[in-house]
N, C-alpha and C. Protein backbone atom coordinates (compact mmCIF):
# COMPACT_ATOMS: atom_id res chain seq x y z
N MET A 1 49.41 -0.94 17.94
CA MET A 1 48.58 -1.51 16.77
C MET A 1 47.44 -0.42 16.36
N SER A 2 47.46 0.16 15.11
CA SER A 2 46.76 1.01 14.89
C SER A 2 45.87 0.17 14.39
N ALA A 3 44.30 0.53 13.94
CA ALA A 3 42.95 0.44 13.95
C ALA A 3 42.74 1.02 12.37
N ALA A 4 42.45 -0.30 11.87
CA ALA A 4 42.25 -0.54 10.41
C ALA A 4 41.44 1.23 9.98
N ARG A 5 41.63 1.81 8.64
CA ARG A 5 41.01 3.06 8.86
C ARG A 5 39.87 2.32 7.44
N GLN A 6 38.46 3.37 7.83
CA GLN A 6 38.04 3.67 6.48
C GLN A 6 37.84 4.06 5.00
N PRO A 7 38.30 3.36 4.31
CA PRO A 7 38.38 4.39 2.82
C PRO A 7 37.13 5.31 2.71
N ALA A 8 38.14 6.75 1.96
CA ALA A 8 37.32 7.88 2.17
C ALA A 8 35.66 7.77 0.84
N GLY A 9 34.71 8.00 1.62
CA GLY A 9 33.81 8.05 0.63
C GLY A 9 32.93 6.73 1.03
N ILE A 10 33.57 5.52 1.30
CA ILE A 10 33.01 4.37 1.84
C ILE A 10 32.66 4.02 3.28
N PRO A 11 31.44 3.83 3.06
CA PRO A 11 30.18 3.60 4.57
C PRO A 11 30.49 2.26 5.24
N SER A 12 30.97 1.76 6.39
CA SER A 12 31.09 0.90 7.29
C SER A 12 29.99 -0.06 6.77
N GLY A 13 30.72 -1.62 6.23
CA GLY A 13 30.09 -2.31 5.91
C GLY A 13 29.91 -2.56 4.51
N GLY A 14 31.36 -1.64 3.59
CA GLY A 14 31.55 -1.93 2.52
C GLY A 14 30.63 -0.86 1.56
N GLN A 15 31.35 -0.78 0.59
CA GLN A 15 30.74 0.03 -0.66
C GLN A 15 29.15 0.27 -1.22
N PHE A 16 28.73 -1.22 -1.23
CA PHE A 16 27.33 -0.83 -1.15
C PHE A 16 26.82 -1.30 -0.31
N ALA A 17 27.23 -0.98 0.94
CA ALA A 17 25.63 -0.98 2.07
C ALA A 17 24.84 0.07 1.92
N ALA A 18 24.01 0.18 1.91
CA ALA A 18 22.77 1.24 2.49
C ALA A 18 22.70 2.56 3.49
N THR A 19 22.72 3.82 2.85
CA THR A 19 22.45 4.07 4.11
C THR A 19 21.04 5.64 3.89
N THR A 20 20.41 5.34 4.85
CA THR A 20 19.26 6.42 4.38
C THR A 20 19.36 8.09 5.29
N HIS A 21 18.80 8.90 3.82
CA HIS A 21 18.88 9.99 4.78
C HIS A 21 17.34 10.30 6.29
N ALA A 22 18.19 11.18 7.01
CA ALA A 22 16.83 11.32 7.98
C ALA A 22 15.50 11.59 7.76
N GLU A 23 15.35 12.27 6.73
CA GLU A 23 14.66 12.57 6.01
C GLU A 23 13.45 11.95 4.96
N PRO A 24 12.23 11.58 5.58
CA PRO A 24 11.45 10.36 4.94
C PRO A 24 11.58 10.91 3.36
N GLY A 25 11.13 9.59 2.91
CA GLY A 25 11.45 9.35 1.48
C GLY A 25 12.25 10.02 0.55
N ILE A 26 13.57 9.94 1.21
CA ILE A 26 14.83 10.61 0.66
C ILE A 26 16.07 9.07 0.64
N VAL A 27 16.46 8.51 -0.32
CA VAL A 27 17.32 7.42 -0.24
C VAL A 27 18.96 7.87 -0.64
N LEU A 28 19.76 7.81 0.21
CA LEU A 28 21.25 8.14 -0.24
C LEU A 28 22.00 6.46 -1.19
N GLY A 29 22.44 6.68 -2.25
CA GLY A 29 23.40 5.53 -2.86
C GLY A 29 24.93 5.60 -1.95
N ALA A 30 25.24 4.48 -1.87
CA ALA A 30 26.27 4.45 -0.98
C ALA A 30 27.69 3.93 -2.02
N GLY A 31 27.12 2.90 -2.88
CA GLY A 31 28.42 3.08 -3.61
C GLY A 31 29.04 3.97 -4.97
N TYR A 32 30.16 3.69 -5.27
CA TYR A 32 30.82 4.79 -6.43
C TYR A 32 29.54 5.04 -7.72
N GLY A 33 29.62 6.34 -7.57
CA GLY A 33 28.80 6.76 -8.92
C GLY A 33 27.26 7.01 -8.50
N GLN A 34 26.80 6.52 -7.65
CA GLN A 34 25.28 6.54 -6.96
C GLN A 34 24.55 7.95 -7.04
N VAL A 35 23.53 8.51 -6.86
CA VAL A 35 23.43 10.15 -6.25
C VAL A 35 22.31 9.59 -5.21
N ALA A 36 21.98 11.24 -4.85
CA ALA A 36 21.15 10.90 -4.16
C ALA A 36 19.76 11.07 -5.32
N ARG A 37 18.15 10.11 -4.37
CA ARG A 37 17.28 10.56 -4.90
C ARG A 37 15.79 10.48 -4.36
N PHE A 38 15.23 11.12 -4.68
CA PHE A 38 13.32 10.65 -4.05
C PHE A 38 13.26 9.36 -4.23
N VAL A 39 12.18 8.71 -3.22
CA VAL A 39 11.85 7.70 -3.80
C VAL A 39 10.14 7.78 -3.80
N THR A 40 10.03 7.21 -4.71
CA THR A 40 8.69 7.29 -5.69
C THR A 40 7.60 6.62 -4.76
N THR A 41 6.30 7.07 -4.99
CA THR A 41 5.55 5.82 -4.99
C THR A 41 5.46 4.30 -5.85
N ARG A 42 5.92 4.40 -7.06
CA ARG A 42 6.20 3.65 -7.46
C ARG A 42 6.94 2.21 -6.85
N ASP A 43 7.63 3.04 -6.10
CA ASP A 43 9.32 2.29 -5.38
C ASP A 43 8.35 1.62 -4.01
N LEU A 44 7.37 2.42 -3.94
CA LEU A 44 7.05 1.87 -2.54
C LEU A 44 5.38 0.80 -2.32
N PHE A 45 5.47 0.83 -3.48
CA PHE A 45 4.21 -0.18 -4.56
C PHE A 45 5.07 -1.32 -4.64
N GLU A 46 5.71 -1.38 -5.30
CA GLU A 46 6.70 -2.08 -6.03
C GLU A 46 7.52 -2.96 -4.14
N ARG A 47 7.76 -2.76 -3.59
CA ARG A 47 8.01 -2.87 -2.22
C ARG A 47 7.20 -3.52 -2.01
N GLU A 48 6.16 -3.06 -1.82
CA GLU A 48 4.76 -3.80 -0.75
C GLU A 48 4.44 -5.53 -1.16
N VAL A 49 4.26 -5.32 -2.85
CA VAL A 49 3.70 -6.16 -3.63
C VAL A 49 4.90 -6.88 -3.66
N ALA A 50 6.10 -7.10 -3.66
CA ALA A 50 7.13 -7.83 -3.77
C ALA A 50 7.26 -8.66 -2.39
N ALA A 51 7.14 -8.00 -1.13
CA ALA A 51 7.05 -8.44 0.48
C ALA A 51 5.79 -9.26 0.52
N ALA A 52 4.77 -8.67 -0.50
CA ALA A 52 3.16 -9.70 0.10
C ALA A 52 2.89 -10.78 -0.97
N THR A 53 3.80 -10.72 -2.43
CA THR A 53 3.21 -11.86 -2.98
C THR A 53 5.11 -12.69 -3.40
N GLY A 54 5.93 -12.89 -2.90
CA GLY A 54 7.19 -13.13 -2.66
C GLY A 54 7.24 -13.27 -4.15
N GLY A 55 7.10 -11.83 -5.11
CA GLY A 55 7.64 -12.16 -6.60
C GLY A 55 6.60 -13.02 -7.61
N ALA A 56 5.88 -13.19 -7.08
CA ALA A 56 4.96 -13.88 -7.60
C ALA A 56 4.23 -12.95 -9.42
N GLU A 57 4.31 -13.95 -9.81
CA GLU A 57 3.74 -13.73 -11.34
C GLU A 57 1.98 -12.89 -11.47
N GLN A 58 1.95 -12.08 -11.38
CA GLN A 58 0.73 -11.22 -11.92
C GLN A 58 -0.15 -11.09 -12.48
N ASP A 59 -1.45 -11.47 -12.32
CA ASP A 59 -2.45 -11.50 -13.90
C ASP A 59 -3.12 -10.66 -14.15
N HIS A 60 -2.39 -9.29 -14.85
CA HIS A 60 -3.52 -7.60 -14.54
C HIS A 60 -4.68 -8.06 -15.48
N LYS A 61 -5.83 -7.57 -14.92
CA LYS A 61 -7.12 -7.75 -15.34
C LYS A 61 -7.32 -5.89 -15.89
N HIS A 62 -7.97 -5.76 -16.92
CA HIS A 62 -8.46 -4.44 -16.83
C HIS A 62 -9.64 -5.26 -17.51
N PRO A 63 -10.78 -4.34 -16.98
CA PRO A 63 -12.13 -4.43 -17.04
C PRO A 63 -12.46 -3.69 -17.82
N GLU A 64 -13.56 -4.34 -18.81
CA GLU A 64 -14.33 -3.04 -19.96
C GLU A 64 -15.33 -2.90 -19.04
N ARG A 65 -16.28 -3.20 -18.22
CA ARG A 65 -17.77 -2.65 -17.77
C ARG A 65 -17.26 -2.71 -16.09
N LYS A 66 -18.05 -1.87 -15.79
CA LYS A 66 -17.84 -1.64 -14.07
C LYS A 66 -18.74 -3.14 -13.42
N ALA A 67 -19.58 -3.61 -14.39
CA ALA A 67 -19.94 -5.45 -14.18
C ALA A 67 -19.13 -6.05 -13.25
N GLU A 68 -17.99 -6.16 -15.09
CA GLU A 68 -16.97 -6.72 -14.68
C GLU A 68 -15.85 -6.66 -13.63
N ALA A 69 -15.92 -5.77 -13.47
CA ALA A 69 -14.50 -4.85 -12.53
C ALA A 69 -15.21 -5.50 -10.70
N LYS A 70 -16.56 -5.54 -10.54
CA LYS A 70 -17.28 -5.68 -9.27
C LYS A 70 -16.92 -7.41 -9.51
N ARG A 71 -16.97 -8.17 -10.74
CA ARG A 71 -16.96 -9.46 -10.23
C ARG A 71 -15.61 -9.98 -10.14
N LEU A 72 -14.51 -9.19 -10.69
CA LEU A 72 -13.27 -9.55 -10.47
C LEU A 72 -12.44 -9.04 -9.12
N LEU A 73 -13.17 -8.07 -8.35
CA LEU A 73 -12.56 -7.64 -6.90
C LEU A 73 -12.93 -8.93 -5.95
N VAL A 74 -13.35 -9.38 -6.42
CA VAL A 74 -13.69 -11.11 -5.22
C VAL A 74 -13.10 -12.24 -5.69
N ASN A 75 -12.33 -12.39 -5.10
CA ASN A 75 -11.19 -13.43 -5.70
C ASN A 75 -10.53 -14.43 -4.60
N THR A 76 -11.19 -14.64 -4.06
CA THR A 76 -11.52 -15.85 -2.96
C THR A 76 -10.93 -16.86 -2.89
N ARG A 77 -11.41 -17.41 -4.41
CA ARG A 77 -10.00 -19.01 -4.87
C ARG A 77 -8.52 -18.46 -5.56
N GLY A 78 -8.69 -17.27 -5.53
CA GLY A 78 -7.23 -16.95 -6.29
C GLY A 78 -7.10 -17.57 -7.59
N GLU A 79 -5.95 -17.13 -8.18
CA GLU A 79 -5.94 -17.21 -9.60
C GLU A 79 -5.00 -18.80 -9.97
N ARG A 80 -5.02 -19.67 -11.09
CA ARG A 80 -4.44 -20.06 -11.12
C ARG A 80 -2.88 -20.09 -11.06
N ASP A 81 -1.77 -21.61 -10.73
CA ASP A 81 -0.81 -21.45 -11.12
C ASP A 81 -0.07 -20.76 -10.38
N GLY A 82 -1.10 -19.86 -8.92
CA GLY A 82 0.17 -19.49 -8.13
C GLY A 82 0.39 -18.02 -8.49
N LYS A 83 -1.06 -17.56 -9.38
CA LYS A 83 -0.20 -15.82 -9.92
C LYS A 83 -1.20 -15.16 -8.96
N VAL A 84 -1.15 -13.71 -9.27
CA VAL A 84 -1.47 -12.72 -8.22
C VAL A 84 -2.59 -11.78 -8.81
N ARG A 85 -4.21 -12.06 -8.47
CA ARG A 85 -4.63 -10.63 -9.60
C ARG A 85 -4.46 -9.06 -9.39
N HIS A 86 -4.55 -8.81 -10.46
CA HIS A 86 -3.84 -7.25 -10.63
C HIS A 86 -5.10 -6.66 -11.38
N ILE A 87 -6.09 -6.09 -10.49
CA ILE A 87 -7.14 -5.17 -11.38
C ILE A 87 -7.11 -3.68 -11.26
N HIS A 88 -6.89 -3.27 -12.76
CA HIS A 88 -7.12 -1.64 -13.05
C HIS A 88 -8.04 -1.18 -12.89
N LEU A 89 -8.77 -0.08 -12.05
CA LEU A 89 -10.04 0.52 -12.34
C LEU A 89 -9.27 2.00 -12.53
N ASP A 90 -10.92 2.46 -13.38
CA ASP A 90 -10.75 3.90 -13.55
C ASP A 90 -12.18 4.73 -13.64
N SER A 91 -12.60 5.47 -14.07
CA SER A 91 -13.39 6.46 -13.71
C SER A 91 -14.74 5.51 -14.85
N SER A 92 -13.77 5.13 -15.68
CA SER A 92 -14.84 4.25 -16.83
C SER A 92 -15.01 3.07 -16.24
N ASN A 93 -14.24 1.89 -15.52
CA ASN A 93 -15.26 0.74 -15.32
C ASN A 93 -15.03 0.94 -13.64
N SER A 94 -15.00 1.74 -12.72
CA SER A 94 -15.69 1.33 -11.54
C SER A 94 -16.65 1.23 -10.91
N PRO A 95 -16.45 0.43 -10.30
CA PRO A 95 -17.89 -0.13 -9.70
C PRO A 95 -19.27 0.61 -8.82
N ASP A 96 -19.90 1.53 -9.24
CA ASP A 96 -20.77 2.55 -8.50
C ASP A 96 -20.92 1.58 -7.19
N ALA A 97 -21.75 2.43 -6.23
CA ALA A 97 -21.84 1.88 -4.68
C ALA A 97 -23.29 2.98 -4.00
N LYS A 98 -23.72 2.76 -3.59
CA LYS A 98 -24.88 3.59 -3.13
C LYS A 98 -24.16 4.92 -1.96
N ILE A 99 -24.96 5.37 -1.80
CA ILE A 99 -24.71 6.22 -0.27
C ILE A 99 -24.72 4.97 0.74
N GLY A 100 -23.58 5.13 1.92
CA GLY A 100 -23.48 4.42 2.26
C GLY A 100 -23.44 3.19 2.40
N GLU A 101 -23.23 2.49 0.82
CA GLU A 101 -22.22 1.18 0.68
C GLU A 101 -20.79 1.08 0.13
N HIS A 102 -20.71 0.24 0.48
CA HIS A 102 -18.88 0.02 -0.57
C HIS A 102 -19.24 -1.59 -1.73
N VAL A 103 -18.50 -1.31 -2.64
CA VAL A 103 -17.94 -2.31 -3.09
C VAL A 103 -17.12 -3.07 -2.51
N GLN A 104 -17.05 -4.77 -2.56
CA GLN A 104 -16.55 -5.38 -2.07
C GLN A 104 -15.21 -6.10 -2.72
N VAL A 105 -14.16 -6.06 -1.76
CA VAL A 105 -13.01 -6.30 -2.42
C VAL A 105 -12.55 -8.16 -0.95
N VAL A 106 -12.18 -9.01 -2.40
CA VAL A 106 -11.74 -10.33 -1.22
C VAL A 106 -10.80 -10.45 -1.97
N GLY A 107 -9.79 -11.32 -0.77
CA GLY A 107 -8.36 -11.81 -1.30
C GLY A 107 -8.58 -13.10 -1.36
N PRO A 108 -7.58 -13.91 -2.05
CA PRO A 108 -7.90 -15.71 -1.43
C PRO A 108 -7.80 -15.47 -0.52
N LYS A 109 -7.87 -16.98 -0.46
CA LYS A 109 -8.15 -17.93 1.28
C LYS A 109 -7.18 -17.98 1.42
N ASP A 110 -6.14 -18.26 0.63
CA ASP A 110 -4.39 -19.23 0.64
C ASP A 110 -3.58 -17.96 0.76
N GLY A 111 -4.46 -16.73 1.26
CA GLY A 111 -3.06 -15.67 1.82
C GLY A 111 -2.61 -15.13 0.64
N ARG A 112 -2.83 -15.76 -0.20
CA ARG A 112 -2.50 -14.31 -1.26
C ARG A 112 -2.99 -13.22 -1.39
N PRO A 113 -2.52 -12.08 -1.89
CA PRO A 113 -3.28 -10.47 -1.84
C PRO A 113 -4.04 -10.67 -3.16
N ILE A 114 -5.03 -9.38 -3.07
CA ILE A 114 -5.00 -9.14 -4.13
C ILE A 114 -4.93 -7.91 -4.57
N ILE A 115 -4.63 -7.31 -5.73
CA ILE A 115 -4.38 -5.99 -5.73
C ILE A 115 -5.06 -5.19 -7.00
N VAL A 116 -5.02 -4.41 -6.33
CA VAL A 116 -6.25 -3.22 -7.16
C VAL A 116 -5.03 -1.89 -7.39
N SER A 117 -5.25 -1.11 -8.80
CA SER A 117 -4.75 0.30 -8.99
C SER A 117 -5.97 0.91 -8.89
N ILE A 118 -5.92 2.74 -8.68
CA ILE A 118 -6.74 2.93 -9.19
C ILE A 118 -6.29 4.44 -9.32
N SER A 119 -6.49 4.46 -10.60
CA SER A 119 -6.24 5.58 -11.58
C SER A 119 -7.16 7.12 -11.60
N SER A 120 -8.35 6.72 -11.34
CA SER A 120 -9.23 7.66 -11.72
C SER A 120 -10.77 7.14 -11.31
N GLY A 121 -11.20 8.03 -11.28
CA GLY A 121 -12.97 7.73 -10.25
C GLY A 121 -13.20 7.83 -8.99
N LEU A 122 -13.84 7.17 -8.52
CA LEU A 122 -14.07 7.41 -6.85
C LEU A 122 -14.80 6.27 -6.44
N PRO A 123 -14.20 5.41 -6.21
CA PRO A 123 -14.99 3.75 -5.94
C PRO A 123 -14.43 3.38 -4.48
N ARG A 124 -16.06 3.41 -3.69
CA ARG A 124 -16.02 3.58 -2.43
C ARG A 124 -15.84 1.90 -2.24
N LEU A 125 -14.37 1.38 -1.97
CA LEU A 125 -14.21 -0.28 -1.52
C LEU A 125 -14.22 -0.11 0.21
N LYS A 126 -14.51 -1.57 -0.03
CA LYS A 126 -14.38 -2.12 1.36
C LYS A 126 -13.57 -3.71 1.19
N VAL A 127 -12.69 -4.26 1.64
CA VAL A 127 -11.72 -5.03 1.84
C VAL A 127 -12.19 -6.16 3.51
N THR A 128 -13.28 -6.53 2.60
CA THR A 128 -14.22 -7.88 3.80
C THR A 128 -13.48 -8.78 4.17
N SER A 129 -12.49 -9.27 3.44
CA SER A 129 -11.84 -10.79 4.00
C SER A 129 -10.60 -10.73 3.31
N GLY A 130 -9.66 -11.56 3.65
CA GLY A 130 -7.78 -11.27 3.01
C GLY A 130 -7.43 -10.47 2.49
N THR A 131 -6.24 -10.15 2.39
CA THR A 131 -5.27 -8.93 2.15
C THR A 131 -5.45 -8.52 0.57
N ALA A 132 -5.74 -6.67 0.79
CA ALA A 132 -5.51 -6.41 -0.70
C ALA A 132 -4.36 -5.34 -0.71
N ILE A 133 -3.76 -4.97 -1.52
CA ILE A 133 -2.72 -3.80 -1.54
C ILE A 133 -3.59 -3.26 -2.56
N ILE A 134 -3.75 -1.87 -2.14
CA ILE A 134 -4.50 -1.11 -2.89
C ILE A 134 -3.48 0.67 -3.36
N ARG A 135 -3.02 0.30 -4.50
CA ARG A 135 -2.39 2.16 -5.36
C ARG A 135 -3.56 2.83 -5.29
N ALA A 136 -3.46 3.86 -4.78
CA ALA A 136 -4.34 4.93 -4.73
C ALA A 136 -3.60 6.06 -5.42
N ASP A 137 -3.90 6.04 -6.35
CA ASP A 137 -3.59 6.96 -7.06
C ASP A 137 -4.47 8.03 -8.04
N SER A 138 -6.16 7.92 -8.24
CA SER A 138 -7.58 8.89 -7.98
C SER A 138 -7.21 10.19 -7.73
N ARG A 139 -7.14 10.85 -8.53
CA ARG A 139 -7.22 13.01 -7.81
C ARG A 139 -8.46 12.85 -7.76
N TRP A 140 -9.50 12.11 -7.73
CA TRP A 140 -10.82 12.47 -7.17
C TRP A 140 -11.12 12.28 -5.84
N GLY A 141 -10.49 10.89 -5.47
CA GLY A 141 -10.02 11.02 -3.82
C GLY A 141 -10.30 9.55 -4.11
N ASN A 142 -9.62 8.82 -2.51
CA ASN A 142 -9.64 7.48 -2.39
C ASN A 142 -10.48 6.74 -1.16
N SER A 143 -11.54 6.19 -1.38
CA SER A 143 -12.11 5.31 -0.26
C SER A 143 -11.76 4.38 0.02
N VAL A 144 -11.22 3.87 0.64
CA VAL A 144 -10.63 2.14 1.60
C VAL A 144 -11.41 2.30 2.42
N SER A 145 -11.92 1.08 3.22
CA SER A 145 -12.30 0.39 4.78
C SER A 145 -12.25 -0.82 4.27
N VAL A 146 -12.08 -1.20 5.84
CA VAL A 146 -11.34 -2.74 6.20
C VAL A 146 -12.39 -3.18 6.85
N GLY A 147 -12.90 -4.70 6.37
CA GLY A 147 -13.85 -5.44 7.92
C GLY A 147 -13.02 -5.88 8.91
N PRO A 148 -13.38 -6.75 9.62
CA PRO A 148 -13.48 -7.21 10.40
C PRO A 148 -12.30 -8.58 10.35
N GLY A 149 -11.28 -8.58 10.37
CA GLY A 149 -10.36 -9.95 9.85
C GLY A 149 -9.02 -9.61 8.73
N ALA A 150 -9.81 -8.48 8.45
CA ALA A 150 -9.67 -8.04 7.18
C ALA A 150 -8.08 -6.92 7.38
N GLU A 151 -7.66 -6.96 5.62
CA GLU A 151 -5.93 -6.28 5.80
C GLU A 151 -5.90 -5.77 4.21
N ALA A 152 -6.01 -4.02 4.94
CA ALA A 152 -5.29 -3.29 3.24
C ALA A 152 -4.16 -2.52 3.59
N ILE A 153 -3.44 -2.78 2.31
CA ILE A 153 -2.36 -1.88 2.41
C ILE A 153 -2.40 -0.75 1.70
N ILE A 154 -2.03 0.35 1.40
CA ILE A 154 -2.76 1.13 1.33
C ILE A 154 -0.94 2.16 0.81
N ILE A 155 -1.19 2.27 -1.17
CA ILE A 155 -0.01 2.84 -0.94
C ILE A 155 -0.78 4.26 -2.40
N ALA A 156 -0.20 5.70 -1.91
CA ALA A 156 -0.62 6.70 -2.02
C ALA A 156 0.41 7.91 -2.48
N ASP A 157 -0.08 8.52 -3.16
CA ASP A 157 1.58 10.07 -3.25
C ASP A 157 0.73 10.67 -2.27
N ALA A 158 1.79 11.34 -1.89
CA ALA A 158 1.28 12.55 -0.77
C ALA A 158 0.31 13.42 -1.10
N ASP A 159 -0.24 13.73 -2.09
CA ASP A 159 -1.35 14.94 -2.65
C ASP A 159 -2.56 13.95 -2.77
N SER A 160 -2.40 12.58 -2.79
CA SER A 160 -3.84 12.11 -3.50
C SER A 160 -4.69 12.16 -1.68
N LYS A 161 -5.32 12.24 -2.16
CA LYS A 161 -6.72 11.92 -0.55
C LYS A 161 -7.40 10.85 -0.39
N VAL A 162 -6.91 10.01 0.87
CA VAL A 162 -7.35 8.90 1.36
C VAL A 162 -8.14 8.76 2.63
N THR A 163 -9.29 7.89 2.34
CA THR A 163 -10.04 8.38 3.41
C THR A 163 -10.58 6.80 4.07
N THR A 164 -9.93 6.15 5.29
CA THR A 164 -10.00 4.77 5.46
C THR A 164 -10.93 4.44 6.55
N GLU A 165 -12.18 4.10 6.35
CA GLU A 165 -12.38 3.74 7.63
C GLU A 165 -11.96 2.10 8.56
N VAL A 166 -11.88 1.58 9.16
CA VAL A 166 -11.60 0.36 9.74
C VAL A 166 -12.20 0.00 11.00
N ASP A 167 -13.07 -1.32 10.75
CA ASP A 167 -13.93 -1.99 11.63
C ASP A 167 -12.74 -2.40 12.62
N PRO A 168 -13.77 -3.35 13.93
CA PRO A 168 -12.94 -3.43 14.95
C PRO A 168 -12.36 -5.34 14.56
N GLY A 169 -11.00 -5.07 14.29
CA GLY A 169 -9.95 -6.46 14.04
C GLY A 169 -9.71 -6.96 12.73
N GLY A 170 -10.07 -5.22 11.98
CA GLY A 170 -9.35 -5.28 10.71
C GLY A 170 -8.05 -3.81 11.48
N LYS A 171 -7.31 -4.38 9.78
CA LYS A 171 -5.91 -3.40 9.96
C LYS A 171 -5.89 -3.01 8.49
N ALA A 172 -5.12 -1.48 8.89
CA ALA A 172 -4.89 -0.90 7.59
C ALA A 172 -3.69 0.03 7.63
N THR A 173 -2.89 -0.06 6.73
CA THR A 173 -1.40 0.39 6.70
C THR A 173 -1.56 1.28 5.31
N PHE A 174 -0.56 2.38 5.94
CA PHE A 174 -0.36 3.05 4.97
C PHE A 174 0.36 3.63 4.31
N VAL A 175 1.25 4.25 2.93
CA VAL A 175 2.14 3.82 3.06
C VAL A 175 2.44 5.11 1.85
N CYS A 176 3.51 5.94 2.16
CA CYS A 176 3.86 7.26 1.75
C CYS A 176 4.81 7.26 1.99
N ALA A 177 5.27 8.42 1.10
CA ALA A 177 7.08 8.76 1.01
C ALA A 177 7.13 9.66 2.02
N SER A 178 6.00 10.38 2.08
CA SER A 178 6.15 11.88 3.20
C SER A 178 4.95 11.63 4.49
N ALA A 179 5.56 12.17 4.92
CA ALA A 179 4.52 12.17 6.47
C ALA A 179 3.84 13.66 6.42
N ASN A 180 3.75 14.20 5.32
CA ASN A 180 2.81 15.01 4.90
C ASN A 180 2.04 15.17 3.64
N ASN A 181 0.50 14.08 4.80
CA ASN A 181 -0.11 13.66 2.89
C ASN A 181 -1.72 13.96 3.36
N ARG A 182 -2.14 13.33 3.10
CA ARG A 182 -3.57 13.81 2.85
C ARG A 182 -3.97 12.66 3.50
N PHE A 183 -3.85 11.83 4.35
CA PHE A 183 -4.16 9.98 4.71
C PHE A 183 -4.96 10.42 5.67
N HIS A 184 -6.30 10.12 5.83
CA HIS A 184 -7.51 10.17 7.13
C HIS A 184 -8.04 9.03 7.28
N ALA A 185 -7.89 8.69 8.38
CA ALA A 185 -8.10 7.38 9.71
C ALA A 185 -9.31 7.41 10.27
N TYR A 186 -9.63 6.25 10.55
CA TYR A 186 -11.36 6.44 11.25
C TYR A 186 -11.38 4.93 12.18
N PRO A 187 -10.20 4.58 12.36
CA PRO A 187 -10.51 3.09 13.53
C PRO A 187 -12.23 3.15 14.21
N ARG A 188 -12.00 1.70 14.09
CA ARG A 188 -13.14 1.31 15.30
C ARG A 188 -12.09 0.61 16.28
N GLY A 189 -12.84 0.33 17.62
CA GLY A 189 -12.11 -0.50 19.03
C GLY A 189 -10.98 -1.01 18.89
N ASP A 190 -10.98 -1.87 18.14
CA ASP A 190 -9.22 -2.40 18.46
C ASP A 190 -8.80 -2.37 17.32
N ALA A 191 -9.15 -2.06 16.06
CA ALA A 191 -9.04 -1.21 14.68
C ALA A 191 -7.36 -0.83 14.59
N ILE A 192 -6.49 -1.05 13.92
CA ILE A 192 -5.08 -1.01 13.82
C ILE A 192 -4.97 -0.26 12.62
N VAL A 193 -4.05 0.97 12.87
CA VAL A 193 -3.53 1.87 11.55
C VAL A 193 -2.33 1.99 11.90
N ASP A 194 -1.22 1.59 10.64
CA ASP A 194 -0.50 1.37 11.10
C ASP A 194 0.14 2.64 9.86
N LEU A 195 1.66 3.55 10.01
CA LEU A 195 1.67 4.56 8.93
C LEU A 195 2.94 4.45 8.69
N SER A 196 3.51 3.84 7.42
CA SER A 196 4.50 3.55 6.92
C SER A 196 5.62 4.61 5.88
N HIS A 197 6.36 5.27 6.20
CA HIS A 197 6.94 5.92 5.39
C HIS A 197 8.86 5.39 5.39
N GLY A 198 8.47 4.89 4.61
CA GLY A 198 9.75 3.60 4.31
C GLY A 198 10.72 4.00 2.93
N THR A 199 11.69 3.70 3.20
CA THR A 199 12.80 3.77 2.16
C THR A 199 12.38 2.70 1.14
N ASP A 200 12.79 2.32 -0.12
CA ASP A 200 13.22 1.63 -0.88
C ASP A 200 14.19 0.38 -0.45
N THR A 201 14.98 0.39 0.18
CA THR A 201 16.03 -0.09 0.96
C THR A 201 15.64 -0.74 2.01
N ASP A 202 14.60 -0.82 2.26
CA ASP A 202 13.94 -1.62 3.45
C ASP A 202 12.34 -2.72 3.25
N ARG A 203 12.42 -3.19 4.90
CA ARG A 203 10.65 -4.05 4.50
C ARG A 203 10.31 -3.26 5.82
N ILE A 204 11.59 -2.24 6.71
CA ILE A 204 10.61 -1.88 8.00
C ILE A 204 9.71 -1.15 8.31
N ARG A 205 8.86 -1.31 8.93
CA ARG A 205 8.03 0.10 9.34
C ARG A 205 8.61 0.84 10.45
N TYR A 206 9.26 1.82 9.79
CA TYR A 206 9.74 2.32 11.20
C TYR A 206 8.60 3.30 11.49
N VAL A 207 8.63 3.61 12.74
CA VAL A 207 7.74 4.87 13.64
C VAL A 207 5.95 3.92 13.28
N PRO A 208 6.04 3.01 13.20
CA PRO A 208 4.59 2.69 12.81
C PRO A 208 3.57 3.71 13.46
N HIS A 209 2.10 3.40 14.20
CA HIS A 209 1.64 4.38 15.08
C HIS A 209 0.21 3.36 14.74
N ARG A 210 -0.22 3.29 16.00
CA ARG A 210 -1.36 2.89 16.42
C ARG A 210 -2.50 3.52 17.12
N TYR A 211 -3.62 3.65 16.37
CA TYR A 211 -5.03 4.75 16.48
C TYR A 211 -5.93 4.76 17.33
N ASP A 212 -6.89 4.67 18.74
CA ASP A 212 -7.49 4.47 18.74
C ASP A 212 -8.20 5.39 19.51
N PHE A 213 -9.31 5.73 17.65
CA PHE A 213 -10.42 6.64 17.98
C PHE A 213 -11.53 5.68 17.78
N THR A 214 -12.52 6.31 19.28
CA THR A 214 -13.44 5.59 18.98
C THR A 214 -14.82 6.08 19.03
N GLY A 215 -14.46 7.69 18.34
CA GLY A 215 -15.67 8.10 18.21
C GLY A 215 -16.18 7.88 17.00
N ALA A 216 -17.68 8.74 16.50
CA ALA A 216 -17.84 8.45 15.43
C ALA A 216 -17.43 8.87 13.95
N THR A 217 -17.67 8.06 12.95
CA THR A 217 -16.80 8.43 11.75
C THR A 217 -17.45 10.04 11.05
N SER A 218 -16.70 10.60 10.19
CA SER A 218 -17.39 11.77 9.97
C SER A 218 -16.89 12.05 8.21
């Protein structure tokens, strides 16, 4: 008895089974009429948000002043009705911080994340509690620190400079479609930094890396 043949052009598992290219940041569609395309930063951002929020509705905040933005970045109690706060920062409303200091970011105690999108400016943020999802799109540079017990998921384009300092007990995950990027991490002690060059077809952090830099930050 001969083995069943797989129809040409259809991968094992059916015509809608996903396949991925070996290069990071590329997804190949396996169904009829689908073509290869690059995974965008938006794809990865939406993937991370969906995974962390379970698809909960977002409450978008566009603060008019820096003081308002600073207040909104502390979201200890969380939004009502299960919503997730999403704050949009730019050069006009990003809170200022003195040299050596940071603007505090606090996620809800109930485990929901707080979302921050940075389009311009250079706010020096530090996630001090809870989980923050940060889209670091500023061409001026992006500075995100993480305190003990806190977590930051940072999504950025390959050409966006991102600097991250992680205190002992903190965790940062940098998500980018390309392995060639401008991400610089400075973990301390047992801090963990993972890299994810995932595709938009899965939630697996393949090839995660743990860094153990104990030297002083630069």
